Amino acid sequence: MFNECVLIGRVGKDPAVRFTQGGTAVAQFSLATSEKFKKKDGTNEESVQWHQIVCWGKLGEICGEYLTKGSLVCIVGKVTYRTYEAKDGAKKYIT
C-alpha cells in the first residue's frame, strides 16, 4: 500500500509554529489549491479547495522561518485522518 499526496498551491496564512513538551517543532498552516475549468455555457470557473497542513520537526521550523501568506509551495506528504471529542461532546474529524 502507498499513501502519498502531492499538493501545489498558495499558503493561506502565515504558519503557526509551536513546540511539543519534548521540544519538537510543529508548524500548521492552510494551503489553497485551485482548478480552472469551462462550464457548459462557456464561462470560466475556478474551484478552490483548502487543506490543513501540519509539518513536524526541522521541516516545521523551516516552514515557520520561510513561508508567509501567499507563498507558492509544493507539499509532498501522506494523508492522515484524526478524530477528537469537542468541548460540547460532539465527535470531530480532521483530514
Protein backbone atom coordinates (compact mmCIF):
# COMPACT_ATOMS: atom_id res chain seq x y z
CA MET A 1 0.00 0.00 0.00
CA PHE A 2 1.09 3.55 -0.72
CA ASN A 3 -0.13 6.78 0.89
CA GLU A 4 1.32 9.85 -0.80
CA CYS A 5 -0.26 13.16 -1.67
CA VAL A 6 1.19 15.99 -3.79
CA LEU A 7 -0.35 19.46 -3.45
CA ILE A 8 0.78 22.61 -5.22
CA GLY A 9 -0.81 25.80 -4.00
CA ARG A 10 -0.53 29.00 -2.01
CA VAL A 11 -0.19 29.38 1.74
CA GLY A 12 -3.41 30.85 3.17
CA LYS A 13 -1.94 32.30 6.38
CA ASP A 14 1.47 32.53 8.00
CA PRO A 15 2.40 29.20 9.60
CA ALA A 16 1.79 28.92 13.34
CA VAL A 17 4.78 27.17 14.93
CA ARG A 18 4.61 25.63 18.38
CA PHE A 19 6.80 23.17 20.25
CA THR A 20 5.79 19.95 21.98
CA GLN A 21 6.86 19.28 25.56
CA GLY A 22 9.72 17.23 24.09
CA GLY A 23 10.94 20.23 22.05
CA THR A 24 9.72 19.06 18.62
CA ALA A 25 8.55 21.87 16.33
CA VAL A 26 5.06 21.64 14.81
CA ALA A 27 4.01 24.09 12.07
CA GLN A 28 0.39 24.38 10.96
CA PHE A 29 -0.99 26.39 8.06
CA SER A 30 -3.70 26.32 5.42
CA LEU A 31 -2.99 25.71 1.73
CA ALA A 32 -5.27 26.72 -1.16
CA THR A 33 -5.28 24.66 -4.35
CA SER A 34 -7.38 25.67 -7.33
CA GLU A 35 -8.72 24.20 -10.54
CA LYS A 36 -9.88 26.23 -13.51
CA PHE A 37 -12.44 24.87 -15.96
CA LYS A 38 -15.00 25.96 -18.53
CA LYS A 39 -18.68 25.49 -17.77
CA LYS A 40 -21.18 24.20 -20.33
CA ASP A 41 -22.31 27.75 -21.09
CA GLY A 42 -18.70 28.72 -21.98
CA THR A 43 -17.92 30.80 -18.91
CA ASN A 44 -14.72 30.22 -16.98
CA GLU A 45 -14.97 28.93 -13.43
CA GLU A 46 -12.41 28.41 -10.67
CA SER A 47 -12.83 25.95 -7.80
CA VAL A 48 -10.66 26.42 -4.69
CA GLN A 49 -10.03 23.68 -2.12
CA TRP A 50 -8.49 24.39 1.31
CA HIS A 51 -6.16 21.94 3.02
CA GLN A 52 -4.81 21.97 6.57
CA ILE A 53 -1.07 21.20 6.57
CA VAL A 54 0.97 20.02 9.57
CA CYS A 55 4.79 19.79 9.40
CA TRP A 56 6.90 18.27 12.18
CA GLY A 57 10.47 18.63 13.39
CA LYS A 58 13.09 20.52 11.40
CA LEU A 59 10.69 20.86 8.46
CA GLY A 60 8.21 22.60 10.78
CA GLU A 61 10.92 25.06 11.85
CA ILE A 62 11.83 25.75 8.20
CA CYS A 63 8.17 26.35 7.29
CA GLY A 64 7.85 28.87 10.10
CA GLU A 65 11.00 30.66 9.02
CA TYR A 66 10.49 30.86 5.25
CA LEU A 67 6.76 30.56 4.44
CA THR A 68 4.39 33.50 4.52
CA LYS A 69 0.82 34.08 3.38
CA GLY A 70 0.70 33.82 -0.42
CA SER A 71 3.88 31.72 -0.82
CA LEU A 72 3.66 29.18 -3.65
CA VAL A 73 4.67 25.75 -2.36
CA CYS A 74 4.70 22.10 -3.38
CA ILE A 75 3.77 19.79 -0.49
CA VAL A 76 4.54 16.08 -0.66
CA GLY A 77 3.31 14.00 2.25
CA LYS A 78 0.77 11.50 3.46
CA VAL A 79 -2.92 11.89 4.15
CA THR A 80 -3.93 11.16 7.75
CA TYR A 81 -7.31 11.21 9.48
CA ARG A 82 -7.89 12.03 13.15
CA THR A 83 -10.93 12.24 15.37
CA TYR A 84 -11.39 14.04 18.65
CA GLU A 85 -14.19 14.98 21.00
CA ALA A 86 -15.08 18.69 21.11
CA LYS A 87 -15.92 20.53 24.34
CA ASP A 88 -19.62 20.12 23.60
CA GLY A 89 -19.17 16.34 23.33
CA ALA A 90 -19.52 16.18 19.54
CA LYS A 91 -17.13 13.96 17.61
CA LYS A 92 -14.95 15.96 15.16
CA TYR A 93 -12.97 14.69 12.18
CA ILE A 94 -9.77 16.18 10.74
CA THR A 95 -8.03 15.26 7.47
